[in-house]
Amino acid sequence: MPGTNVRTIPTAVKKNIDFLVTAVDNFGDTGFALDLAESVLSERPDWTVRFFSDDRELFERLSARRPHAKVPYFELSGYGNIEPSETIVSFFDRKLPEAHFAKYAFPKKILQISYLRFDADSADRPGVGSLNGTRYRIGGDEVVHLVPSPLPEGAGVVVRKGASGQVPVPGFPNFSERHLTSFDS
C-alpha cells in the first residue's frame, strides 16, 4: 500500500495462514497451537503458518523439540503493521483485531479456537454442542468458532504426527481431519 507504514511479509508459497496466539498461563497454549501448525503443515507442505505470539522464548523452547516443523515466529504486537493472510486462526478466545482486518478489503476466513472443553450441553448451561461451529461476522469477514473436545459434538483434538506417522488418540476425533478443509479457500 503506497504511502503507508504497512509492510507485507512475502508470500512465496501457495498459502499463508496466520496463527494469533497469546501465551496465557502455561505451555499448553503455545504447545496446542504448534501441534495444530505441525498437523496443517504435514497435510499441506506447500503452505506456511505465520506464528504470531507474545512469548518468543517459549515458542523457541517448544520449537527446539520439533526440528521437523518450519514455523516462522513473529511478534504478536507487530500484527497490526502487516497485511493479514486470507486465513487467520485466533486461539483461546483472544479479542480479534477488527479495526486492522477492516483496513483490507479482501475477504478473510477466521477460525476462533476456544479452550479444550469436556462439558456437554445441559438444560441450564451451554456446552460444547451449543458453542462449536457457531458463526458470526465482523465487518465483511466470517468467523467460525471451534471448540476442541473429545466429545462427538466437539471439534476434535489435535493428533500429533511424527516421523513414523500419525500417533492416534483412541476414541478421540482428530481436529485436523475434521477441520483441515476449513483452511482451504
C-alpha atoms as a PDB file:
ATOM      1  CA  MET A   1       0.000   0.000   0.000  1.00  0.00           C
ATOM      2  CA  PRO A   2       1.877   3.086  -1.194  1.00  0.00           C
ATOM      3  CA  GLY A   3       2.256   5.911   1.289  1.00  0.00           C
ATOM      4  CA  THR A   4       1.541   3.858   4.419  1.00  0.00           C
ATOM      5  CA  ASN A   5       3.694   2.218   7.017  1.00  0.00           C
ATOM      6  CA  VAL A   6       2.154  -1.206   6.451  1.00  0.00           C
ATOM      7  CA  ARG A   7       4.711  -3.792   5.423  1.00  0.00           C
ATOM      8  CA  THR A   8       3.882  -7.043   3.707  1.00  0.00           C
ATOM      9  CA  ILE A   9       5.516 -10.318   4.665  1.00  0.00           C
ATOM     10  CA  PRO A  10       6.445 -12.091   1.404  1.00  0.00           C
ATOM     11  CA  THR A  11       4.106 -14.836   0.291  1.00  0.00           C
ATOM     12  CA  ALA A  12       6.266 -17.111  -1.883  1.00  0.00           C
ATOM     13  CA  VAL A  13       4.211 -20.183  -1.052  1.00  0.00           C
ATOM     14  CA  LYS A  14       0.778 -21.316  -2.154  1.00  0.00           C
ATOM     15  CA  LYS A  15      -0.956 -20.153   1.015  1.00  0.00           C
ATOM     16  CA  ASN A  16      -0.222 -18.370   4.270  1.00  0.00           C
ATOM     17  CA  ILE A  17      -2.177 -18.900   7.460  1.00  0.00           C
ATOM     18  CA  ASP A  18      -1.772 -16.516  10.381  1.00  0.00           C
ATOM     19  CA  PHE A  19      -1.881 -18.038  13.869  1.00  0.00           C
ATOM     20  CA  LEU A  20      -2.544 -15.450  16.605  1.00  0.00           C
ATOM     21  CA  VAL A  21      -1.508 -16.935  19.957  1.00  0.00           C
ATOM     22  CA  THR A  22      -1.380 -15.298  23.367  1.00  0.00           C
ATOM     23  CA  ALA A  23       0.567 -17.368  25.897  1.00  0.00           C
ATOM     24  CA  VAL A  24      -1.916 -17.105  28.741  1.00  0.00           C
ATOM     25  CA  ASP A  25      -0.934 -19.314  31.638  1.00  0.00           C
ATOM     26  CA  ASN A  26       1.167 -22.301  30.615  1.00  0.00           C
ATOM     27  CA  PHE A  27       2.990 -24.175  27.885  1.00  0.00           C
ATOM     28  CA  GLY A  28      -0.277 -25.686  26.664  1.00  0.00           C
ATOM     29  CA  ASP A  29      -1.462 -22.547  24.890  1.00  0.00           C
ATOM     30  CA  THR A  30       1.562 -22.298  22.640  1.00  0.00           C
ATOM     31  CA  GLY A  31       2.025 -26.069  22.502  1.00  0.00           C
ATOM     32  CA  PHE A  32      -1.524 -26.670  21.252  1.00  0.00           C
ATOM     33  CA  ALA A  33      -1.084 -24.041  18.538  1.00  0.00           C
ATOM     34  CA  LEU A  34       2.270 -25.521  17.484  1.00  0.00           C
ATOM     35  CA  ASP A  35       0.727 -29.011  17.357  1.00  0.00           C
ATOM     36  CA  LEU A  36      -2.007 -27.690  15.075  1.00  0.00           C
ATOM     37  CA  ALA A  37       0.551 -25.856  12.901  1.00  0.00           C
ATOM     38  CA  GLU A  38       2.527 -29.095  12.509  1.00  0.00           C
ATOM     39  CA  SER A  39      -0.618 -31.002  11.668  1.00  0.00           C
ATOM     40  CA  VAL A  40      -1.650 -28.490   9.000  1.00  0.00           C
ATOM     41  CA  LEU A  41       1.850 -28.382   7.502  1.00  0.00           C
ATOM     42  CA  SER A  42       2.138 -32.168   7.400  1.00  0.00           C
ATOM     43  CA  GLU A  43      -1.011 -32.276   5.278  1.00  0.00           C
ATOM     44  CA  ARG A  44      -0.225 -29.163   3.223  1.00  0.00           C
ATOM     45  CA  PRO A  45       3.600 -28.886   2.997  1.00  0.00           C
ATOM     46  CA  ASP A  46       3.478 -26.091   0.398  1.00  0.00           C
ATOM     47  CA  TRP A  47       1.711 -23.778   2.874  1.00  0.00           C
ATOM     48  CA  THR A  48       3.270 -21.711   5.623  1.00  0.00           C
ATOM     49  CA  VAL A  49       1.972 -20.840   9.060  1.00  0.00           C
ATOM     50  CA  ARG A  50       2.980 -17.384  10.254  1.00  0.00           C
ATOM     51  CA  PHE A  51       3.016 -17.790  14.048  1.00  0.00           C
ATOM     52  CA  PHE A  52       2.300 -14.504  15.861  1.00  0.00           C
ATOM     53  CA  SER A  53       2.738 -14.729  19.617  1.00  0.00           C
ATOM     54  CA  ASP A  54       3.778 -12.709  22.636  1.00  0.00           C
ATOM     55  CA  ASP A  55       6.314 -15.174  24.051  1.00  0.00           C
ATOM     56  CA  ARG A  56       9.285 -15.756  21.750  1.00  0.00           C
ATOM     57  CA  GLU A  57      11.273 -17.596  24.438  1.00  0.00           C
ATOM     58  CA  LEU A  58       8.513 -20.156  24.997  1.00  0.00           C
ATOM     59  CA  PHE A  59       7.999 -20.571  21.230  1.00  0.00           C
ATOM     60  CA  GLU A  60      11.721 -21.217  20.750  1.00  0.00           C
ATOM     61  CA  ARG A  61      11.867 -23.702  23.640  1.00  0.00           C
ATOM     62  CA  LEU A  62       8.922 -25.670  22.310  1.00  0.00           C
ATOM     63  CA  SER A  63      10.102 -25.408  18.689  1.00  0.00           C
ATOM     64  CA  ALA A  64      13.528 -26.814  19.571  1.00  0.00           C
ATOM     65  CA  ARG A  65      11.774 -30.103  20.309  1.00  0.00           C
ATOM     66  CA  ARG A  66      10.153 -30.036  16.874  1.00  0.00           C
ATOM     67  CA  PRO A  67      13.023 -29.830  14.380  1.00  0.00           C
ATOM     68  CA  HIS A  68      10.843 -31.033  11.504  1.00  0.00           C
ATOM     69  CA  ALA A  69       8.400 -28.132  11.845  1.00  0.00           C
ATOM     70  CA  LYS A  70       9.179 -24.999   9.861  1.00  0.00           C
ATOM     71  CA  VAL A  71       7.005 -22.410  11.558  1.00  0.00           C
ATOM     72  CA  PRO A  72       8.324 -18.821  11.495  1.00  0.00           C
ATOM     73  CA  TYR A  73       7.756 -16.677  14.595  1.00  0.00           C
ATOM     74  CA  PHE A  74       6.553 -13.070  14.527  1.00  0.00           C
ATOM     75  CA  GLU A  75       5.808 -10.733  17.437  1.00  0.00           C
ATOM     76  CA  LEU A  76       2.080 -10.512  18.069  1.00  0.00           C
ATOM     77  CA  SER A  77       2.454  -6.816  18.911  1.00  0.00           C
ATOM     78  CA  GLY A  78       3.520  -6.180  15.295  1.00  0.00           C
ATOM     79  CA  TYR A  79       0.476  -7.844  13.709  1.00  0.00           C
ATOM     80  CA  GLY A  80      -1.260  -4.502  13.223  1.00  0.00           C
ATOM     81  CA  ASN A  81       1.565  -3.404  10.902  1.00  0.00           C
ATOM     82  CA  ILE A  82       1.340  -6.133   8.279  1.00  0.00           C
ATOM     83  CA  GLU A  83      -1.228  -7.316   5.784  1.00  0.00           C
ATOM     84  CA  PRO A  84      -3.116 -10.267   7.222  1.00  0.00           C
ATOM     85  CA  SER A  85      -3.357 -13.558   5.398  1.00  0.00           C
ATOM     86  CA  GLU A  86      -6.682 -14.631   3.930  1.00  0.00           C
ATOM     87  CA  THR A  87      -6.931 -17.308   6.626  1.00  0.00           C
ATOM     88  CA  ILE A  88      -6.476 -16.395  10.284  1.00  0.00           C
ATOM     89  CA  VAL A  89      -6.627 -18.721  13.271  1.00  0.00           C
ATOM     90  CA  SER A  90      -7.052 -16.965  16.599  1.00  0.00           C
ATOM     91  CA  PHE A  91      -6.540 -19.070  19.696  1.00  0.00           C
ATOM     92  CA  PHE A  92      -8.243 -19.185  23.065  1.00  0.00           C
ATOM     93  CA  ASP A  93     -10.929 -16.571  22.578  1.00  0.00           C
ATOM     94  CA  ARG A  94      -8.492 -13.678  22.222  1.00  0.00           C
ATOM     95  CA  LYS A  95     -10.067 -10.449  21.013  1.00  0.00           C
ATOM     96  CA  LEU A  96      -9.865 -10.187  17.243  1.00  0.00           C
ATOM     97  CA  PRO A  97      -8.226  -7.046  15.771  1.00  0.00           C
ATOM     98  CA  GLU A  98     -11.370  -5.928  13.939  1.00  0.00           C
ATOM     99  CA  ALA A  99     -10.095  -2.450  13.019  1.00  0.00           C
ATOM    100  CA  HIS A 100      -6.956  -3.986  11.487  1.00  0.00           C
ATOM    101  CA  PHE A 101      -8.955  -6.516   9.453  1.00  0.00           C
ATOM    102  CA  ALA A 102     -11.235  -3.728   8.206  1.00  0.00           C
ATOM    103  CA  LYS A 103      -8.258  -1.967   6.544  1.00  0.00           C
ATOM    104  CA  TYR A 104      -8.072  -4.774   3.966  1.00  0.00           C
ATOM    105  CA  ALA A 105     -10.961  -5.210   1.543  1.00  0.00           C
ATOM    106  CA  PHE A 106     -10.258  -8.841   0.654  1.00  0.00           C
ATOM    107  CA  PRO A 107     -12.373 -11.459   2.449  1.00  0.00           C
ATOM    108  CA  LYS A 108     -10.726 -13.239   5.328  1.00  0.00           C
ATOM    109  CA  LYS A 109     -11.636 -16.625   6.777  1.00  0.00           C
ATOM    110  CA  ILE A 110     -11.227 -16.512  10.539  1.00  0.00           C
ATOM    111  CA  LEU A 111     -11.243 -19.517  12.835  1.00  0.00           C
ATOM    112  CA  GLN A 112     -11.646 -18.646  16.516  1.00  0.00           C
ATOM    113  CA  ILE A 113     -10.448 -21.636  18.545  1.00  0.00           C
ATOM    114  CA  SER A 114     -11.588 -21.840  22.146  1.00  0.00           C
ATOM    115  CA  TYR A 115     -10.156 -23.741  25.091  1.00  0.00           C
ATOM    116  CA  LEU A 116     -10.478 -27.522  25.358  1.00  0.00           C
ATOM    117  CA  ARG A 117     -13.847 -28.398  26.874  1.00  0.00           C
ATOM    118  CA  PHE A 118     -15.385 -31.586  28.180  1.00  0.00           C
ATOM    119  CA  ASP A 119     -18.861 -30.366  29.150  1.00  0.00           C
ATOM    120  CA  ALA A 120     -21.899 -31.435  27.160  1.00  0.00           C
ATOM    121  CA  ASP A 121     -24.933 -29.181  26.790  1.00  0.00           C
ATOM    122  CA  SER A 122     -27.291 -29.169  29.765  1.00  0.00           C
ATOM    123  CA  ALA A 123     -30.634 -27.532  30.476  1.00  0.00           C
ATOM    124  CA  ASP A 124     -29.015 -24.736  32.479  1.00  0.00           C
ATOM    125  CA  ARG A 125     -25.731 -24.230  30.632  1.00  0.00           C
ATOM    126  CA  PRO A 126     -24.480 -24.369  27.052  1.00  0.00           C
ATOM    127  CA  GLY A 127     -21.675 -26.824  26.467  1.00  0.00           C
ATOM    128  CA  VAL A 128     -19.567 -27.980  23.564  1.00  0.00           C
ATOM    129  CA  GLY A 129     -22.501 -28.755  21.258  1.00  0.00           C
ATOM    130  CA  SER A 130     -24.029 -25.266  21.530  1.00  0.00           C
ATOM    131  CA  LEU A 131     -20.739 -23.444  21.059  1.00  0.00           C
ATOM    132  CA  ASN A 132     -18.786 -25.478  18.496  1.00  0.00           C
ATOM    133  CA  GLY A 133     -19.335 -24.396  14.911  1.00  0.00           C
ATOM    134  CA  THR A 134     -21.142 -21.144  15.699  1.00  0.00           C
ATOM    135  CA  ARG A 135     -20.642 -18.470  13.068  1.00  0.00           C
ATOM    136  CA  TYR A 136     -20.742 -14.701  13.162  1.00  0.00           C
ATOM    137  CA  ARG A 137     -19.404 -11.787  11.118  1.00  0.00           C
ATOM    138  CA  ILE A 138     -17.021  -8.956  11.858  1.00  0.00           C
ATOM    139  CA  GLY A 139     -17.222  -6.458   9.066  1.00  0.00           C
ATOM    140  CA  GLY A 140     -17.299  -8.479   5.860  1.00  0.00           C
ATOM    141  CA  ASP A 141     -15.417 -11.427   7.328  1.00  0.00           C
ATOM    142  CA  GLU A 142     -16.930 -14.648   8.643  1.00  0.00           C
ATOM    143  CA  VAL A 143     -15.712 -16.067  11.943  1.00  0.00           C
ATOM    144  CA  VAL A 144     -16.197 -19.742  12.791  1.00  0.00           C
ATOM    145  CA  HIS A 145     -15.869 -20.663  16.477  1.00  0.00           C
ATOM    146  CA  LEU A 146     -14.365 -24.109  17.063  1.00  0.00           C
ATOM    147  CA  VAL A 147     -14.253 -25.822  20.459  1.00  0.00           C
ATOM    148  CA  PRO A 148     -11.615 -28.569  20.764  1.00  0.00           C
ATOM    149  CA  SER A 149     -13.127 -31.522  22.589  1.00  0.00           C
ATOM    150  CA  PRO A 150     -13.096 -35.308  22.526  1.00  0.00           C
ATOM    151  CA  LEU A 151     -16.914 -35.224  22.703  1.00  0.00           C
ATOM    152  CA  PRO A 152     -18.618 -36.178  19.420  1.00  0.00           C
ATOM    153  CA  GLU A 153     -20.199 -32.715  19.061  1.00  0.00           C
ATOM    154  CA  GLY A 154     -16.832 -31.008  19.606  1.00  0.00           C
ATOM    155  CA  ALA A 155     -14.168 -30.017  17.119  1.00  0.00           C
ATOM    156  CA  GLY A 156     -11.901 -32.963  17.960  1.00  0.00           C
ATOM    157  CA  VAL A 157      -8.374 -32.970  19.373  1.00  0.00           C
ATOM    158  CA  VAL A 158      -5.038 -32.302  17.695  1.00  0.00           C
ATOM    159  CA  VAL A 159      -3.282 -35.532  16.798  1.00  0.00           C
ATOM    160  CA  ARG A 160       0.484 -35.301  16.572  1.00  0.00           C
ATOM    161  CA  LYS A 161       2.271 -36.720  13.580  1.00  0.00           C
ATOM    162  CA  GLY A 162       5.806 -37.917  13.966  1.00  0.00           C
ATOM    163  CA  ALA A 163       8.427 -39.484  11.746  1.00  0.00           C
ATOM    164  CA  SER A 164       6.622 -42.824  11.994  1.00  0.00           C
ATOM    165  CA  GLY A 165       3.264 -41.327  11.011  1.00  0.00           C
ATOM    166  CA  GLN A 166       0.165 -40.384  12.948  1.00  0.00           C
ATOM    167  CA  VAL A 167       0.041 -41.024  16.664  1.00  0.00           C
ATOM    168  CA  PRO A 168      -3.603 -41.981  17.245  1.00  0.00           C
ATOM    169  CA  VAL A 169      -5.592 -40.963  20.281  1.00  0.00           C
ATOM    170  CA  PRO A 170      -8.034 -43.879  20.680  1.00  0.00           C
ATOM    171  CA  GLY A 171     -11.651 -42.781  20.657  1.00  0.00           C
ATOM    172  CA  PHE A 172     -10.903 -39.099  20.082  1.00  0.00           C
ATOM    173  CA  PRO A 173     -11.934 -37.361  16.855  1.00  0.00           C
ATOM    174  CA  ASN A 174      -8.986 -35.812  15.001  1.00  0.00           C
ATOM    175  CA  PHE A 175      -9.285 -31.996  14.912  1.00  0.00           C
ATOM    176  CA  SER A 176      -7.120 -31.658  11.797  1.00  0.00           C
ATOM    177  CA  GLU A 177      -9.016 -34.268   9.794  1.00  0.00           C
ATOM    178  CA  ARG A 178     -12.321 -32.648  10.731  1.00  0.00           C
ATOM    179  CA  HIS A 179     -11.273 -29.065  10.036  1.00  0.00           C
ATOM    180  CA  LEU A 180      -8.373 -29.015   7.570  1.00  0.00           C
ATOM    181  CA  THR A 181     -10.842 -28.119   4.833  1.00  0.00           C
ATOM    182  CA  SER A 182     -11.721 -25.037   6.910  1.00  0.00           C
ATOM    183  CA  PHE A 183      -8.293 -23.712   5.967  1.00  0.00           C
ATOM    184  CA  ASP A 184      -8.804 -24.271   2.237  1.00  0.00           C
ATOM    185  CA  SER A 185     -10.009 -21.336   0.187  1.00  0.00           C
END
